[in-house]
Every structure is written in C-alpha cells, then in structure tokens.
Amino acid sequence: MSTSLHRLFAIANQPVKTIVGLMSGTSLDGLDIAVCTFTGSGMHTQIQLVQHTTIPYNQHFTHTVQQIFANRQADLQQVCLLNKWIAEQHAQMVLNALAQWQIAPSSIDCLASHGQTIYHAPLALHQQATYGNATLQIGDGDHLAVATGIITLSDFRQKHLAGGGEGAPLALYGDYLLFSHETEDRVLLNIGGIANLTFLPSGKALQGIVCTDVGPGNTLLDAYVRTHFAPLTFDADAAIAATGTVNHPLLQLLLQHSFFQQPFPKTTGPELFHLTYLEQTLQQLPFTVSHADVLATLCMFTAAGIAQAVTNLPTENVCIYISGGGMHNPLLMQYLRSLLPNSRIQSTQQLGIAPDAKEAVLFAVLANETLSGSKVPFALAHLPQLSMGKISLPD
C-alpha cells in the first residue's frame, strides 16, 4: 500500500481531522479558504473554525476565467489549459495562507476544493432530455494535491448528479448537520453570484427540508458594473445603486421569468441570468433607464427573488441567517428587510461561523463526511446520499 493510502486510512480513523475548505464562487471575486478542525461526523459533527480568509483574485485571473465562464462558445483549448492553471493558482494561495498563519502543510489532513464552476446546465435550462442535468467545475484536484503535498477531495458536484440531483445546491448537507435546531425554523441564505437557501424546519427532521437556488445574487449587479463602470468590478457598498431608484416596470418584467414559477428545488446560474437577458428586458421598455436606476432595480430584483422564495416556505415564523458577498450590499439588505418585515435576518456569525467563510466550511464538512462515513439517511428527504468528492493523492 502506498504511503498516501496509508495516510488516507489513518486520517479516516482519526477522532479529530484538520480540513481546509476552498470555495470559489460564480462572483469570481476571490478564493475563500477556511481551516477547520472536526470531531465526529453526521449529527455528532463538532467544528472549530481555526482560520479563514478570502484572497482576492487579481484582474488577470478574473478576466481569464470570464473568457470561458458561462460561455457556450468557450474555447475548448482554454478550458483545458485553465483546468490545470486554476488548480496551480489555488494551490499557491493555500500555501501562502498557511505560511501566513504559521500552519505547516503537513499538519493538514486534507483539502476540500470546490473548484471553479464554468458552466451549470440543469435540464430545466438546456431542455435536452437525453442528457439530463450537468455541471462542470475546473481546477483539477490532482494538481492541487501535488502542488501542496496535501490529500485533496474535489469535484463534489458530480456525485450529486450521479445520485439524481442537479449538482447544486450542495449547502443543504452541511447546513443540516451544523445548523438544524430543535425549536427554531431556520433559513440559511447565501447571496453569492446566485442566491440560494436551505430551509431547516424545527425538530431536526429531514422531511420538510428545502434547499434551492432562488435567483440572481450579485451576478447581474457585478456584470452591469463591469460593463458600464470599468475598471470597477462591483458596486462597493452600493455607492452607485444608492443614487438611483427602483424602476418598477423593469422590476416586474424581470420577475416574469419562468424560473420564478418553477417549484422547489431548482438551480440556476449566470448561464440564465446574464447581461443579454437584462438588455433584452430593457429593450421591452418604452423609455431609457439610467445606470443608477438599473443597479437599484437589480438590488431589488435580487431581494424580491429571495423574499418570494421565503414567503413560499411552509412556515410563518422563520429566522434567516445570511452569508455571502451580497450581505455586504447595504441597499440590497435594506430592500430584503423591507420585503420580509416579519423575519429576523442576521449573520451566520450568530451560529458561530463567519459569514465570509461559510461556503468554504461547508465543503470541508462534505470532505469530513466522505472520510468518516456518514450515517445520516438523507434519502428520507429525497436527496442523494452523502459521499462526495474525488480523492487525489499527492504521490
């Protein structure tokens, strides 16, 4: 048996594991890195978030990925090249972060890497029944493992597809294990490029759980800013949007998209909510909308999609715990609170997990479950069973 296989066997049997979760989302703003220690698994999971950071991507990285991101006519050679290159970039970011924290790579049991989504293709989007649901993340796990010297679990979404899911959202598994509660109905809301939520009914029951995308998060906002306010890549603190007002005819047209009538669960991405969709909607109006008003309307569009989904959940008294970049948009949050006046909205920090680290933490949870062997019967909630991620050895 190879040294790495011996190591993997030993890690699987350790009572405490140190796992680094990595998340790079559709917003393409940076790599989230979370160092976590785990004791136990399943419903007995105990986690400590040791360190976390987000390393921003430079302009070259973001521009390079955007050339193939959510692009049906992407250059296949570029996809091939970036599969390796992104992994190498992420590996160096991990090593730099560990060095800054004075944590030896040899003390890390494994990496849990989400990779970089470049295309998400649920059946509802492509409507070709022959092929079913599909999704693609690049940033190869073998290259991560070799470059860091750390056993790596990656490509988690393919097992979800193989089990009958859409490959997203995967947040439900970690949300349920870490945050379900005996007496409180909870919504774990993440506003990244796309907004998604997990509804956890009180009592920790699997029946009644909902995990779904609900619409755009920051993706349209950021794309609009990049196009009309370059070199800005996003509207920091909603500085531009706050000077505008919501254009309600535009908002109503945006909300007429069939995605919002689809039942839960559902998934989406920038493949659907992109600038062409926005421009086609603007062209339906008999008047011109200012850039600031478009951005204000897009903030309300994101808030309205979230509020519609929360309102359709089977609960009248829910506490919303929020994470993701969208929570730092004060105008979006103002609109969301105005649309959900009866819901308590607070950060996941109240649950002991920093909101900017939560998505990376959830992939570390997936790796812990794969290594430890979860006994949680997620099939009772009509969900694929939990054992995700391809294992890459460093030697």
Protein backbone atom coordinates (compact mmCIF):
# COMPACT_ATOMS: atom_id res chain seq x y z
CA MET A 1 0.00 0.00 0.00
CA SER A 2 1.34 3.45 -0.93
CA THR A 3 2.34 5.98 1.71
CA SER A 4 -0.58 8.25 0.78
CA LEU A 5 -3.08 5.39 1.04
CA HIS A 6 -1.74 4.56 4.48
CA ARG A 7 -2.09 8.23 5.34
CA LEU A 8 -5.66 8.35 3.97
CA PHE A 9 -6.64 5.28 6.01
CA ALA A 10 -5.15 6.80 9.15
CA ILE A 11 -6.95 10.12 8.57
CA ALA A 12 -10.29 8.36 8.11
CA ASN A 13 -9.87 6.75 11.52
CA GLN A 14 -8.65 9.83 13.39
CA PRO A 15 -11.04 11.21 16.04
CA VAL A 16 -10.04 14.75 15.06
CA LYS A 17 -9.40 15.92 11.50
CA THR A 18 -7.99 19.19 10.19
CA ILE A 19 -9.51 20.06 6.83
CA VAL A 20 -9.07 23.14 4.68
CA GLY A 21 -12.18 24.08 2.73
CA LEU A 22 -11.82 26.03 -0.52
CA MET A 23 -14.59 27.87 -2.33
CA SER A 24 -14.51 29.97 -5.49
CA GLY A 25 -17.97 31.09 -6.50
CA THR A 26 -19.69 32.48 -9.56
CA SER A 27 -18.93 36.03 -8.44
CA LEU A 28 -15.23 35.38 -9.26
CA ASP A 29 -14.13 37.75 -6.53
CA GLY A 30 -11.62 35.52 -4.77
CA LEU A 31 -10.79 32.20 -3.12
CA ASP A 32 -12.33 31.55 0.30
CA ILE A 33 -10.02 29.47 2.50
CA ALA A 34 -11.19 28.01 5.82
CA VAL A 35 -9.08 25.88 8.16
CA CYS A 36 -11.42 23.70 10.21
CA THR A 37 -10.99 21.01 12.83
CA PHE A 38 -13.67 18.32 13.06
CA THR A 39 -14.59 15.97 15.84
CA GLY A 40 -17.13 13.33 14.94
CA SER A 41 -19.37 13.25 11.90
CA GLY A 42 -23.03 13.17 10.94
CA MET A 43 -25.31 14.58 13.62
CA HIS A 44 -22.40 14.43 16.05
CA THR A 45 -20.24 16.80 14.00
CA GLN A 46 -18.41 19.40 16.03
CA ILE A 47 -16.41 22.01 14.17
CA GLN A 48 -13.98 24.73 15.08
CA LEU A 49 -13.13 27.39 12.51
CA VAL A 50 -9.43 27.91 13.16
CA GLN A 51 -8.58 30.45 10.45
CA HIS A 52 -10.25 31.88 7.40
CA THR A 53 -9.58 34.42 4.69
CA THR A 54 -10.64 35.43 1.22
CA ILE A 55 -7.75 36.02 -1.16
CA PRO A 56 -8.97 38.41 -3.88
CA TYR A 57 -8.35 37.46 -7.47
CA ASN A 58 -6.27 39.88 -9.50
CA GLN A 59 -7.68 41.38 -12.68
CA HIS A 60 -5.77 38.93 -14.89
CA PHE A 61 -7.23 35.89 -13.11
CA THR A 62 -10.79 37.19 -13.24
CA HIS A 63 -10.56 38.27 -16.88
CA THR A 64 -9.02 34.96 -17.91
CA VAL A 65 -11.77 32.89 -16.29
CA GLN A 66 -14.51 35.18 -17.61
CA GLN A 67 -13.47 34.29 -21.16
CA ILE A 68 -14.89 30.79 -20.68
CA PHE A 69 -17.28 31.32 -17.76
CA ALA A 70 -20.94 30.57 -18.57
CA ASN A 71 -20.00 30.76 -22.26
CA ARG A 72 -21.50 28.17 -24.59
CA GLN A 73 -18.96 29.07 -27.27
CA ALA A 74 -15.93 28.79 -24.97
CA ASP A 75 -12.53 27.93 -26.46
CA LEU A 76 -12.02 24.25 -25.62
CA GLN A 77 -8.24 24.65 -25.56
CA GLN A 78 -8.61 27.43 -22.98
CA VAL A 79 -10.85 25.22 -20.84
CA CYS A 80 -8.16 22.52 -20.97
CA LEU A 81 -5.40 24.95 -20.03
CA LEU A 82 -7.33 26.58 -17.19
CA ASN A 83 -8.25 23.27 -15.58
CA LYS A 84 -4.60 22.91 -14.59
CA TRP A 85 -3.77 26.61 -14.21
CA ILE A 86 -6.60 27.40 -11.77
CA ALA A 87 -5.56 24.48 -9.57
CA GLU A 88 -1.98 25.78 -9.53
CA GLN A 89 -3.15 29.29 -8.63
CA HIS A 90 -5.36 27.96 -5.84
CA ALA A 91 -2.54 25.76 -4.53
CA GLN A 92 -0.21 28.74 -4.21
CA MET A 93 -2.92 30.76 -2.46
CA VAL A 94 -3.41 27.93 0.04
CA LEU A 95 0.32 27.62 0.71
CA ASN A 96 0.64 31.39 1.14
CA ALA A 97 -2.26 31.50 3.59
CA LEU A 98 -0.91 28.58 5.63
CA ALA A 99 2.51 30.24 5.77
CA GLN A 100 0.95 33.48 6.96
CA TRP A 101 -0.87 31.59 9.72
CA GLN A 102 2.30 29.60 10.53
CA ILE A 103 0.48 26.34 9.86
CA ALA A 104 2.59 23.56 8.34
CA PRO A 105 1.00 21.91 5.29
CA SER A 106 1.94 18.54 6.82
CA SER A 107 -0.48 19.26 9.68
CA ILE A 108 -3.43 19.48 7.27
CA ASP A 109 -5.23 16.18 6.77
CA CYS A 110 -6.88 17.12 3.50
CA LEU A 111 -8.08 19.90 1.23
CA ALA A 112 -11.73 20.11 0.21
CA SER A 113 -11.84 22.04 -3.05
CA HIS A 114 -14.99 23.15 -4.79
CA GLY A 115 -13.06 24.23 -7.87
CA GLN A 116 -14.35 26.91 -10.24
CA THR A 117 -17.72 26.45 -11.90
CA ILE A 118 -17.51 27.38 -15.57
CA TYR A 119 -20.91 26.07 -16.70
CA HIS A 120 -24.04 24.87 -14.95
CA ALA A 121 -26.57 23.09 -17.18
CA PRO A 122 -29.63 21.70 -15.38
CA LEU A 123 -32.21 20.03 -17.61
CA ALA A 124 -34.59 22.93 -16.99
CA LEU A 125 -32.10 25.22 -18.74
CA HIS A 126 -30.91 23.18 -21.73
CA GLN A 127 -34.15 21.10 -22.12
CA GLN A 128 -32.43 18.16 -23.83
CA ALA A 129 -33.90 15.15 -22.06
CA THR A 130 -31.27 12.80 -23.50
CA TYR A 131 -28.57 14.38 -21.33
CA GLY A 132 -30.29 15.25 -18.06
CA ASN A 133 -28.61 17.55 -15.55
CA ALA A 134 -24.97 18.56 -15.86
CA THR A 135 -22.42 20.93 -14.35
CA LEU A 136 -18.69 21.49 -14.77
CA GLN A 137 -16.08 22.71 -12.31
CA ILE A 138 -12.39 23.03 -13.19
CA GLY A 139 -9.24 23.39 -11.09
CA ASP A 140 -8.06 19.79 -11.03
CA GLY A 141 -7.66 18.00 -7.68
CA ASP A 142 -4.54 16.07 -8.72
CA HIS A 143 -2.68 19.30 -9.40
CA LEU A 144 -3.82 20.73 -6.05
CA ALA A 145 -2.63 17.61 -4.24
CA VAL A 146 0.76 17.50 -5.92
CA ALA A 147 1.41 21.25 -5.61
CA THR A 148 0.51 21.39 -1.90
CA GLY A 149 1.54 17.90 -0.82
CA ILE A 150 -1.92 17.52 0.79
CA ILE A 151 -4.51 14.83 0.04
CA THR A 152 -7.31 16.58 -1.83
CA LEU A 153 -11.02 15.91 -2.24
CA SER A 154 -12.56 17.77 -5.17
CA ASP A 155 -15.27 17.75 -7.85
CA PHE A 156 -18.03 17.23 -5.28
CA ARG A 157 -20.94 18.09 -7.54
CA GLN A 158 -20.60 15.10 -9.87
CA LYS A 159 -21.71 12.63 -7.17
CA HIS A 160 -24.81 14.74 -6.55
CA LEU A 161 -25.61 14.47 -10.27
CA ALA A 162 -24.94 10.74 -10.25
CA GLY A 163 -27.33 10.39 -7.32
CA GLY A 164 -30.15 12.08 -9.21
CA GLY A 165 -29.63 15.69 -8.19
CA GLU A 166 -28.81 18.78 -10.22
CA GLY A 167 -25.31 19.18 -8.80
CA ALA A 168 -26.48 22.16 -6.74
CA PRO A 169 -27.07 23.50 -4.25
CA LEU A 170 -24.90 21.33 -2.01
CA ALA A 171 -25.21 23.60 1.02
CA LEU A 172 -28.03 21.53 2.47
CA TYR A 173 -25.79 18.76 3.78
CA GLY A 174 -23.55 20.98 5.87
CA ASP A 175 -26.40 23.30 6.79
CA TYR A 176 -28.40 20.41 8.21
CA LEU A 177 -25.50 18.85 10.12
CA LEU A 178 -24.25 22.12 11.60
CA PHE A 179 -27.28 24.35 11.97
CA SER A 180 -30.55 22.39 12.31
CA HIS A 181 -32.33 23.23 15.56
CA GLU A 182 -34.90 21.61 17.84
CA THR A 183 -37.26 24.57 18.23
CA GLU A 184 -36.40 27.17 15.57
CA ASP A 185 -37.38 27.16 11.90
CA ARG A 186 -34.28 28.39 10.11
CA VAL A 187 -33.33 29.61 6.68
CA LEU A 188 -29.63 29.58 5.79
CA LEU A 189 -29.41 32.15 3.00
CA ASN A 190 -26.30 32.62 0.88
CA ILE A 191 -26.11 35.54 -1.53
CA GLY A 192 -23.18 34.92 -3.82
CA GLY A 193 -23.29 35.23 -7.60
CA ILE A 194 -26.54 33.28 -7.28
CA ALA A 195 -28.76 33.36 -4.21
CA ASN A 196 -29.64 30.04 -2.59
CA LEU A 197 -31.28 28.98 0.63
CA THR A 198 -31.72 25.97 2.88
CA PHE A 199 -34.91 25.76 4.92
CA LEU A 200 -34.46 23.70 8.08
CA PRO A 201 -37.73 23.04 9.90
CA SER A 202 -37.54 22.82 13.67
CA GLY A 203 -37.12 19.41 15.25
CA LYS A 204 -34.12 18.46 13.07
CA ALA A 205 -36.41 16.39 10.85
CA LEU A 206 -35.21 15.59 7.34
CA GLN A 207 -38.75 15.71 6.00
CA GLY A 208 -39.72 19.23 5.01
CA ILE A 209 -36.20 20.43 4.26
CA VAL A 210 -35.90 22.67 1.20
CA CYS A 211 -32.60 23.51 -0.50
CA THR A 212 -32.82 25.55 -3.66
CA ASP A 213 -31.47 28.37 -5.73
CA VAL A 214 -33.86 31.30 -5.67
CA GLY A 215 -32.49 33.62 -8.36
CA PRO A 216 -29.63 36.00 -9.03
CA GLY A 217 -27.49 37.27 -6.19
CA ASN A 218 -24.65 39.53 -7.28
CA THR A 219 -24.14 38.17 -10.78
CA LEU A 220 -26.20 40.72 -12.73
CA LEU A 221 -25.12 43.59 -10.50
CA ASP A 222 -21.42 42.84 -10.93
CA ALA A 223 -21.70 42.20 -14.68
CA TYR A 224 -23.51 45.51 -15.19
CA VAL A 225 -20.87 47.42 -13.21
CA ARG A 226 -18.01 45.77 -15.14
CA THR A 227 -19.66 46.77 -18.41
CA HIS A 228 -20.70 50.35 -17.62
CA PHE A 229 -18.33 51.45 -14.86
CA ALA A 230 -14.98 49.83 -15.73
CA PRO A 231 -12.43 49.48 -14.22
CA LEU A 232 -14.80 48.90 -11.28
CA THR A 233 -15.72 45.22 -10.89
CA PHE A 234 -18.55 45.69 -8.39
CA ASP A 235 -20.56 48.47 -6.75
CA ALA A 236 -18.85 48.69 -3.35
CA ASP A 237 -21.35 49.50 -0.57
CA ALA A 238 -23.97 50.10 -3.30
CA ALA A 239 -22.48 53.56 -3.76
CA ILE A 240 -23.85 53.89 -7.32
CA ALA A 241 -27.10 51.98 -6.79
CA ALA A 242 -27.94 54.14 -3.76
CA THR A 243 -28.10 57.21 -6.03
CA GLY A 244 -30.81 55.58 -8.14
CA THR A 245 -34.39 54.49 -7.59
CA VAL A 246 -36.17 51.24 -8.33
CA ASN A 247 -37.79 51.19 -11.75
CA HIS A 248 -40.91 49.14 -11.10
CA PRO A 249 -41.85 48.39 -14.75
CA LEU A 250 -38.36 46.96 -15.24
CA LEU A 251 -38.60 45.03 -11.97
CA GLN A 252 -41.92 43.47 -12.95
CA LEU A 253 -40.58 42.37 -16.31
CA LEU A 254 -37.54 40.78 -14.68
CA LEU A 255 -39.73 38.91 -12.21
CA GLN A 256 -41.87 37.46 -15.01
CA HIS A 257 -39.11 35.00 -15.90
CA SER A 258 -40.40 31.41 -15.81
CA PHE A 259 -37.66 30.45 -13.32
CA PHE A 260 -39.61 32.13 -10.55
CA GLN A 261 -42.66 29.96 -11.25
CA GLN A 262 -40.73 26.69 -11.11
CA PRO A 263 -41.26 24.59 -7.97
CA PHE A 264 -38.56 23.88 -5.39
CA PRO A 265 -35.88 22.60 -5.66
CA LYS A 266 -34.37 24.34 -8.68
CA THR A 267 -30.96 25.59 -9.74
CA THR A 268 -29.74 28.37 -11.97
CA GLY A 269 -26.64 30.40 -12.79
CA PRO A 270 -25.18 33.17 -14.94
CA GLU A 271 -26.00 30.93 -17.90
CA LEU A 272 -29.59 32.15 -17.41
CA PHE A 273 -29.31 35.44 -15.55
CA HIS A 274 -26.81 37.28 -17.72
CA LEU A 275 -26.43 40.72 -19.31
CA THR A 276 -28.12 39.68 -22.56
CA TYR A 277 -31.21 38.74 -20.57
CA LEU A 278 -31.13 42.13 -18.83
CA GLU A 279 -30.58 44.03 -22.08
CA GLN A 280 -33.45 42.21 -23.79
CA THR A 281 -35.69 43.12 -20.87
CA LEU A 282 -34.64 46.78 -21.01
CA GLN A 283 -35.48 46.86 -24.70
CA GLN A 284 -39.10 45.99 -23.88
CA LEU A 285 -39.49 49.31 -22.08
CA PRO A 286 -40.65 52.43 -24.00
CA PHE A 287 -38.16 54.58 -22.11
CA THR A 288 -34.50 54.60 -21.11
CA VAL A 289 -33.43 53.66 -17.60
CA SER A 290 -30.38 55.33 -16.09
CA HIS A 291 -27.44 53.20 -14.99
CA ALA A 292 -28.01 54.07 -11.32
CA ASP A 293 -31.69 53.14 -11.60
CA VAL A 294 -30.80 49.83 -13.26
CA LEU A 295 -28.47 48.98 -10.38
CA ALA A 296 -31.06 49.97 -7.77
CA THR A 297 -33.62 47.82 -9.59
CA LEU A 298 -31.23 44.88 -9.74
CA CYS A 299 -30.73 45.14 -5.96
CA MET A 300 -34.50 44.97 -5.54
CA PHE A 301 -34.68 42.13 -8.10
CA THR A 302 -32.33 40.01 -6.01
CA ALA A 303 -34.21 40.89 -2.81
CA ALA A 304 -37.59 40.15 -4.41
CA GLY A 305 -36.48 36.72 -5.66
CA ILE A 306 -35.29 35.82 -2.17
CA ALA A 307 -38.42 37.20 -0.49
CA GLN A 308 -40.70 35.33 -2.88
CA ALA A 309 -38.94 32.08 -2.06
CA VAL A 310 -39.04 32.65 1.71
CA THR A 311 -42.73 33.54 1.54
CA ASN A 312 -43.44 30.24 -0.23
CA LEU A 313 -41.80 28.16 2.51
CA PRO A 314 -44.10 26.16 4.84
CA THR A 315 -43.50 28.38 7.86
CA GLU A 316 -44.79 31.65 9.23
CA ASN A 317 -42.04 32.32 11.74
CA VAL A 318 -38.54 31.83 10.41
CA CYS A 319 -35.12 33.13 11.39
CA ILE A 320 -32.86 33.91 8.43
CA TYR A 321 -29.09 33.51 8.81
CA ILE A 322 -27.26 35.11 5.93
CA SER A 323 -23.82 34.70 4.35
CA GLY A 324 -22.10 35.57 1.08
CA GLY A 325 -20.96 38.77 -0.57
CA GLY A 326 -24.49 40.10 -1.03
CA MET A 327 -24.85 40.63 2.69
CA HIS A 328 -22.30 43.45 2.38
CA ASN A 329 -24.58 45.34 -0.02
CA PRO A 330 -26.50 47.73 2.28
CA LEU A 331 -29.14 48.65 -0.30
CA LEU A 332 -29.91 45.01 -1.10
CA MET A 333 -30.20 44.25 2.62
CA GLN A 334 -32.45 47.27 3.15
CA TYR A 335 -34.77 46.06 0.39
CA LEU A 336 -34.74 42.50 1.72
CA ARG A 337 -35.72 43.59 5.23
CA SER A 338 -38.49 45.76 3.81
CA LEU A 339 -39.92 42.78 1.89
CA LEU A 340 -39.65 40.41 4.88
CA PRO A 341 -40.62 42.60 7.84
CA ASN A 342 -41.67 39.64 9.99
CA SER A 343 -38.45 37.67 9.56
CA ARG A 344 -35.40 38.04 11.76
CA ILE A 345 -32.39 38.49 9.48
CA GLN A 346 -28.93 38.13 10.97
CA SER A 347 -25.47 36.88 10.09
CA THR A 348 -24.32 33.26 10.38
CA GLN A 349 -21.81 34.68 12.87
CA GLN A 350 -24.67 34.24 15.36
CA LEU A 351 -24.32 30.49 14.74
CA GLY A 352 -20.57 30.52 15.28
CA ILE A 353 -19.46 30.56 11.64
CA ALA A 354 -18.11 33.73 10.00
CA PRO A 355 -20.37 34.51 7.02
CA ASP A 356 -17.48 35.04 4.61
CA ALA A 357 -16.13 31.57 5.49
CA LYS A 358 -19.38 29.61 5.47
CA GLU A 359 -19.31 28.25 1.92
CA ALA A 360 -15.72 27.04 2.28
CA VAL A 361 -16.63 25.48 5.64
CA LEU A 362 -19.49 23.56 4.02
CA PHE A 363 -17.12 21.87 1.57
CA ALA A 364 -14.86 20.94 4.45
CA VAL A 365 -17.94 19.33 6.04
CA LEU A 366 -18.55 17.32 2.85
CA ALA A 367 -14.96 16.06 2.94
CA ASN A 368 -15.27 15.13 6.61
CA GLU A 369 -18.40 13.14 5.88
CA THR A 370 -16.82 11.34 2.94
CA LEU A 371 -13.80 10.34 5.04
CA SER A 372 -15.77 9.47 8.17
CA GLY A 373 -18.72 7.68 6.64
CA SER A 374 -21.99 9.47 7.33
CA LYS A 375 -24.99 7.51 8.58
CA VAL A 376 -27.46 10.37 8.08
CA PRO A 377 -30.32 8.99 5.91
CA PHE A 378 -30.67 11.91 3.52
CA ALA A 379 -32.62 9.65 1.16
CA LEU A 380 -35.56 10.15 3.52
CA ALA A 381 -35.65 13.74 2.28
CA HIS A 382 -35.39 12.55 -1.36
CA LEU A 383 -31.79 13.73 -1.53
CA PRO A 384 -28.75 11.88 -2.88
CA GLN A 385 -26.83 10.15 -0.11
CA LEU A 386 -23.77 11.92 1.19
CA SER A 387 -20.39 10.65 -0.06
CA MET A 388 -18.96 13.22 -2.39
CA GLY A 389 -15.61 14.22 -3.80
CA LYS A 390 -12.90 12.55 -5.82
CA ILE A 391 -9.76 11.73 -3.83
CA SER A 392 -6.40 12.85 -5.20
CA LEU A 393 -3.16 11.70 -3.62
CA PRO A 394 -0.01 13.85 -3.66
CA ASP A 395 2.29 10.96 -4.69
